[in-house]
Amino acid sequence: MSSRHHIHDFMRGRIIGNIEGRKITDVAREFDIAHSVVSRLWKSFKTTGMYSRRHRGGRVRSTTPAEDRYIVLSAKRNRRTTAQQVANQFLAASGKQISRKTVARL
């Protein structure tokens, strides 16, 4: 399986700047990357007007930063409580179900 590397924004800008008035294959040869990569980058630049990579979403967090602070504070107030007990206290206070692993991660 081949490894894939992301092209940094600076390099993307250089590639876009070099494409102006030149062939994509010549630019690809100059930067030693596949012409399909340069072609895809140029196509993306023409449609969006941006050369930087767009942010990709991940898994949605179950708690907000404020709730994270509340969980940490309640755990620090009574250091003898287990993660499961803190999760149960959070459920009683907010009505949101979180796992003990979420508490332990914080």
N, C-alpha and C. Protein backbone atom coordinates (compact mmCIF):
# COMPACT_ATOMS: atom_id res chain seq x y z
N MET A 1 0.84 -1.18 0.00
CA MET A 1 0.00 0.00 0.00
C MET A 1 0.88 1.24 0.00
N SER A 2 0.61 2.17 -0.87
CA SER A 2 1.44 3.36 -0.97
C SER A 2 1.11 4.34 0.15
N SER A 3 2.13 5.07 0.58
CA SER A 3 1.90 6.08 1.62
C SER A 3 1.54 7.40 0.95
N ARG A 4 0.65 8.13 1.58
CA ARG A 4 0.20 9.41 1.04
C ARG A 4 0.69 10.52 1.95
N HIS A 5 1.19 11.58 1.35
CA HIS A 5 1.68 12.72 2.10
C HIS A 5 0.89 13.95 1.70
N HIS A 6 0.58 14.77 2.68
CA HIS A 6 -0.12 16.02 2.39
C HIS A 6 0.89 17.06 1.93
N ILE A 7 0.47 17.86 0.98
CA ILE A 7 1.31 18.96 0.53
C ILE A 7 0.99 20.17 1.40
N HIS A 8 2.02 20.77 1.99
CA HIS A 8 1.81 21.91 2.87
C HIS A 8 1.29 23.11 2.10
N ASP A 9 0.64 24.01 2.81
CA ASP A 9 0.02 25.17 2.18
C ASP A 9 1.03 26.03 1.41
N PHE A 10 2.23 26.16 1.94
CA PHE A 10 3.25 26.96 1.25
C PHE A 10 3.57 26.35 -0.11
N MET A 11 3.74 25.03 -0.13
CA MET A 11 4.05 24.34 -1.38
C MET A 11 2.87 24.43 -2.34
N ARG A 12 1.65 24.33 -1.82
CA ARG A 12 0.46 24.46 -2.66
C ARG A 12 0.43 25.82 -3.34
N GLY A 13 0.76 26.86 -2.58
CA GLY A 13 0.80 28.21 -3.14
C GLY A 13 1.86 28.34 -4.23
N ARG A 14 3.01 27.73 -4.02
CA ARG A 14 4.07 27.77 -5.04
C ARG A 14 3.62 27.05 -6.31
N ILE A 15 2.94 25.92 -6.15
CA ILE A 15 2.47 25.16 -7.31
C ILE A 15 1.45 25.98 -8.09
N ILE A 16 0.50 26.56 -7.39
CA ILE A 16 -0.53 27.38 -8.05
C ILE A 16 0.12 28.55 -8.78
N GLY A 17 1.10 29.18 -8.14
CA GLY A 17 1.79 30.30 -8.76
C GLY A 17 2.55 29.90 -10.02
N ASN A 18 3.07 28.69 -10.05
CA ASN A 18 3.83 28.22 -11.21
C ASN A 18 2.94 27.73 -12.35
N ILE A 19 1.71 27.40 -12.07
CA ILE A 19 0.82 26.88 -13.11
C ILE A 19 0.44 27.97 -14.11
N GLU A 20 0.34 29.20 -13.64
CA GLU A 20 -0.10 30.30 -14.50
C GLU A 20 0.66 30.31 -15.83
N GLY A 21 -0.04 29.98 -16.93
CA GLY A 21 0.54 30.03 -18.26
C GLY A 21 1.44 28.86 -18.61
N ARG A 22 1.45 27.82 -17.79
CA ARG A 22 2.30 26.65 -18.07
C ARG A 22 1.45 25.39 -18.08
N LYS A 23 2.03 24.32 -18.58
CA LYS A 23 1.34 23.04 -18.59
C LYS A 23 1.43 22.40 -17.21
N ILE A 24 0.37 21.69 -16.85
CA ILE A 24 0.32 21.02 -15.55
C ILE A 24 1.42 19.98 -15.45
N THR A 25 1.69 19.26 -16.53
CA THR A 25 2.72 18.22 -16.50
C THR A 25 4.11 18.81 -16.26
N ASP A 26 4.37 20.01 -16.81
CA ASP A 26 5.67 20.66 -16.59
C ASP A 26 5.85 21.05 -15.13
N VAL A 27 4.79 21.58 -14.54
CA VAL A 27 4.84 21.98 -13.13
C VAL A 27 5.00 20.74 -12.24
N ALA A 28 4.29 19.67 -12.58
CA ALA A 28 4.38 18.43 -11.80
C ALA A 28 5.80 17.88 -11.86
N ARG A 29 6.41 17.92 -13.02
CA ARG A 29 7.77 17.43 -13.19
C ARG A 29 8.75 18.31 -12.38
N GLU A 30 8.51 19.61 -12.37
CA GLU A 30 9.39 20.53 -11.64
C GLU A 30 9.36 20.26 -10.13
N PHE A 31 8.17 19.97 -9.59
CA PHE A 31 8.03 19.73 -8.15
C PHE A 31 8.14 18.25 -7.79
N ASP A 32 8.34 17.41 -8.79
CA ASP A 32 8.49 15.97 -8.60
C ASP A 32 7.29 15.34 -7.89
N ILE A 33 6.10 15.68 -8.37
CA ILE A 33 4.87 15.07 -7.88
C ILE A 33 4.03 14.66 -9.07
N ALA A 34 3.05 13.80 -8.83
CA ALA A 34 2.21 13.29 -9.91
C ALA A 34 1.39 14.41 -10.53
N HIS A 35 1.19 14.34 -11.83
CA HIS A 35 0.42 15.39 -12.52
C HIS A 35 -1.03 15.39 -12.08
N SER A 36 -1.53 14.22 -11.63
CA SER A 36 -2.92 14.17 -11.16
C SER A 36 -3.10 14.99 -9.89
N VAL A 37 -2.07 15.04 -9.05
CA VAL A 37 -2.13 15.84 -7.83
C VAL A 37 -2.18 17.32 -8.18
N VAL A 38 -1.34 17.73 -9.10
CA VAL A 38 -1.31 19.14 -9.52
C VAL A 38 -2.62 19.50 -10.19
N SER A 39 -3.13 18.59 -11.02
CA SER A 39 -4.40 18.84 -11.71
C SER A 39 -5.54 19.00 -10.71
N ARG A 40 -5.58 18.13 -9.72
CA ARG A 40 -6.64 18.21 -8.70
C ARG A 40 -6.51 19.49 -7.88
N LEU A 41 -5.28 19.88 -7.56
CA LEU A 41 -5.03 21.12 -6.82
C LEU A 41 -5.48 22.33 -7.63
N TRP A 42 -5.17 22.36 -8.92
CA TRP A 42 -5.55 23.46 -9.80
C TRP A 42 -7.07 23.55 -9.94
N LYS A 43 -7.71 22.39 -10.10
CA LYS A 43 -9.17 22.35 -10.23
C LYS A 43 -9.83 22.87 -8.95
N SER A 44 -9.30 22.45 -7.81
CA SER A 44 -9.83 22.90 -6.53
C SER A 44 -9.64 24.41 -6.36
N PHE A 45 -8.49 24.91 -6.79
CA PHE A 45 -8.21 26.34 -6.68
C PHE A 45 -9.16 27.15 -7.56
N LYS A 46 -9.43 26.65 -8.77
CA LYS A 46 -10.32 27.38 -9.68
C LYS A 46 -11.75 27.43 -9.15
N THR A 47 -12.21 26.38 -8.49
CA THR A 47 -13.60 26.36 -8.01
C THR A 47 -13.77 27.12 -6.70
N THR A 48 -12.81 26.99 -5.78
CA THR A 48 -12.96 27.61 -4.46
C THR A 48 -12.21 28.92 -4.32
N GLY A 49 -11.14 29.10 -5.10
CA GLY A 49 -10.32 30.29 -4.97
C GLY A 49 -9.33 30.20 -3.82
N MET A 50 -9.25 29.04 -3.19
CA MET A 50 -8.33 28.83 -2.07
C MET A 50 -7.42 27.66 -2.39
N TYR A 51 -6.19 27.72 -1.91
CA TYR A 51 -5.28 26.61 -2.14
C TYR A 51 -5.04 25.78 -0.89
N SER A 52 -5.51 26.23 0.27
CA SER A 52 -5.30 25.48 1.51
C SER A 52 -6.32 24.36 1.63
N ARG A 53 -5.94 23.34 2.39
CA ARG A 53 -6.82 22.20 2.59
C ARG A 53 -7.97 22.62 3.49
N ARG A 54 -9.14 22.07 3.22
CA ARG A 54 -10.28 22.41 4.04
C ARG A 54 -10.30 21.52 5.28
N HIS A 55 -10.87 22.05 6.33
CA HIS A 55 -10.96 21.33 7.60
C HIS A 55 -11.96 20.19 7.46
N ARG A 56 -11.57 19.02 7.86
CA ARG A 56 -12.45 17.86 7.81
C ARG A 56 -13.02 17.62 9.21
N GLY A 57 -14.26 17.26 9.25
CA GLY A 57 -14.89 17.02 10.53
C GLY A 57 -14.54 15.66 11.09
N GLY A 58 -14.67 15.53 12.36
CA GLY A 58 -14.43 14.26 13.03
C GLY A 58 -15.66 13.87 13.83
N ARG A 59 -15.45 13.07 14.83
CA ARG A 59 -16.55 12.65 15.67
C ARG A 59 -17.02 13.85 16.51
N VAL A 60 -18.33 13.96 16.67
CA VAL A 60 -18.91 15.06 17.45
C VAL A 60 -18.66 14.81 18.93
N ARG A 61 -18.21 15.83 19.63
CA ARG A 61 -17.94 15.69 21.06
C ARG A 61 -19.23 15.56 21.84
N SER A 62 -19.19 14.78 22.91
CA SER A 62 -20.39 14.58 23.72
C SER A 62 -20.55 15.66 24.77
N THR A 63 -19.47 16.37 25.10
CA THR A 63 -19.55 17.44 26.09
C THR A 63 -18.96 18.73 25.53
N THR A 64 -19.43 19.83 26.06
CA THR A 64 -18.90 21.14 25.66
C THR A 64 -17.68 21.46 26.54
N PRO A 65 -16.87 22.44 26.17
CA PRO A 65 -15.74 22.82 27.03
C PRO A 65 -16.17 23.25 28.43
N ALA A 66 -17.32 23.90 28.55
CA ALA A 66 -17.81 24.30 29.87
C ALA A 66 -18.17 23.06 30.70
N GLU A 67 -18.78 22.07 30.06
CA GLU A 67 -19.12 20.83 30.77
C GLU A 67 -17.85 20.08 31.15
N ASP A 68 -16.83 20.13 30.30
CA ASP A 68 -15.55 19.51 30.64
C ASP A 68 -14.97 20.12 31.91
N ARG A 69 -15.02 21.45 32.00
CA ARG A 69 -14.50 22.13 33.20
C ARG A 69 -15.30 21.73 34.43
N TYR A 70 -16.63 21.60 34.28
CA TYR A 70 -17.48 21.20 35.39
C TYR A 70 -17.12 19.79 35.87
N ILE A 71 -16.90 18.88 34.94
CA ILE A 71 -16.56 17.50 35.29
C ILE A 71 -15.22 17.46 36.03
N VAL A 72 -14.24 18.18 35.51
CA VAL A 72 -12.92 18.21 36.16
C VAL A 72 -13.02 18.82 37.55
N LEU A 73 -13.78 19.89 37.68
CA LEU A 73 -13.94 20.55 38.98
C LEU A 73 -14.62 19.62 39.98
N SER A 74 -15.67 18.93 39.56
CA SER A 74 -16.36 18.03 40.49
C SER A 74 -15.48 16.84 40.87
N ALA A 75 -14.63 16.39 39.96
CA ALA A 75 -13.71 15.30 40.28
C ALA A 75 -12.62 15.77 41.25
N LYS A 76 -12.17 17.00 41.09
CA LYS A 76 -11.13 17.52 41.97
C LYS A 76 -11.66 17.84 43.36
N ARG A 77 -12.94 18.19 43.46
CA ARG A 77 -13.51 18.51 44.77
C ARG A 77 -13.52 17.30 45.69
N ASN A 78 -13.80 16.15 45.13
CA ASN A 78 -13.76 14.92 45.91
C ASN A 78 -12.92 13.91 45.14
N ARG A 79 -11.65 13.84 45.49
CA ARG A 79 -10.71 13.01 44.74
C ARG A 79 -10.95 11.52 44.91
N ARG A 80 -11.76 11.12 45.89
CA ARG A 80 -11.99 9.70 46.12
C ARG A 80 -13.13 9.13 45.27
N THR A 81 -13.85 9.97 44.56
CA THR A 81 -14.93 9.47 43.71
C THR A 81 -14.35 8.80 42.47
N THR A 82 -15.01 7.75 42.03
CA THR A 82 -14.57 7.05 40.83
C THR A 82 -15.09 7.78 39.60
N ALA A 83 -14.58 7.38 38.46
CA ALA A 83 -15.02 7.99 37.20
C ALA A 83 -16.51 7.70 36.96
N GLN A 84 -16.95 6.52 37.34
CA GLN A 84 -18.36 6.16 37.17
C GLN A 84 -19.25 7.03 38.06
N GLN A 85 -18.80 7.30 39.28
CA GLN A 85 -19.57 8.15 40.18
C GLN A 85 -19.64 9.59 39.65
N VAL A 86 -18.55 10.08 39.09
CA VAL A 86 -18.55 11.43 38.51
C VAL A 86 -19.50 11.47 37.32
N ALA A 87 -19.50 10.42 36.50
CA ALA A 87 -20.41 10.35 35.35
C ALA A 87 -21.86 10.35 35.82
N ASN A 88 -22.15 9.63 36.91
CA ASN A 88 -23.51 9.60 37.45
C ASN A 88 -23.92 10.97 38.01
N GLN A 89 -22.98 11.65 38.68
CA GLN A 89 -23.26 13.00 39.19
C GLN A 89 -23.54 13.97 38.03
N PHE A 90 -22.79 13.83 36.96
CA PHE A 90 -22.99 14.68 35.79
C PHE A 90 -24.35 14.41 35.15
N LEU A 91 -24.75 13.15 35.12
CA LEU A 91 -26.07 12.79 34.58
C LEU A 91 -27.17 13.43 35.42
N ALA A 92 -27.02 13.39 36.74
CA ALA A 92 -28.03 13.98 37.62
C ALA A 92 -28.08 15.50 37.47
N ALA A 93 -26.92 16.12 37.26
CA ALA A 93 -26.87 17.58 37.17
C ALA A 93 -27.32 18.11 35.81
N SER A 94 -26.95 17.41 34.73
CA SER A 94 -27.20 17.97 33.40
C SER A 94 -28.21 17.18 32.58
N GLY A 95 -28.43 15.93 32.96
CA GLY A 95 -29.34 15.09 32.18
C GLY A 95 -28.67 14.46 30.97
N LYS A 96 -27.36 14.63 30.84
CA LYS A 96 -26.60 14.06 29.73
C LYS A 96 -25.88 12.81 30.20
N GLN A 97 -26.00 11.75 29.42
CA GLN A 97 -25.33 10.49 29.73
C GLN A 97 -23.93 10.51 29.12
N ILE A 98 -22.91 10.32 29.96
CA ILE A 98 -21.54 10.19 29.45
C ILE A 98 -20.93 8.95 30.07
N SER A 99 -19.94 8.39 29.40
CA SER A 99 -19.33 7.16 29.90
C SER A 99 -18.24 7.48 30.92
N ARG A 100 -17.85 6.48 31.67
CA ARG A 100 -16.77 6.66 32.64
C ARG A 100 -15.46 6.92 31.92
N LYS A 101 -15.33 6.39 30.69
CA LYS A 101 -14.11 6.62 29.91
C LYS A 101 -13.99 8.09 29.50
N THR A 102 -15.13 8.72 29.24
CA THR A 102 -15.11 10.15 28.92
C THR A 102 -14.61 10.94 30.12
N VAL A 103 -15.06 10.58 31.30
CA VAL A 103 -14.62 11.24 32.53
C VAL A 103 -13.14 11.00 32.75
N ALA A 104 -12.69 9.77 32.56
CA ALA A 104 -11.29 9.44 32.78
C ALA A 104 -10.38 10.16 31.78
N ARG A 105 -10.87 10.39 30.58
CA ARG A 105 -10.10 11.06 29.54
C ARG A 105 -9.84 12.52 29.89
N LEU A 106 -10.78 13.13 30.63
CA LEU A 106 -10.64 14.53 30.99
C LEU A 106 -9.67 14.66 32.13
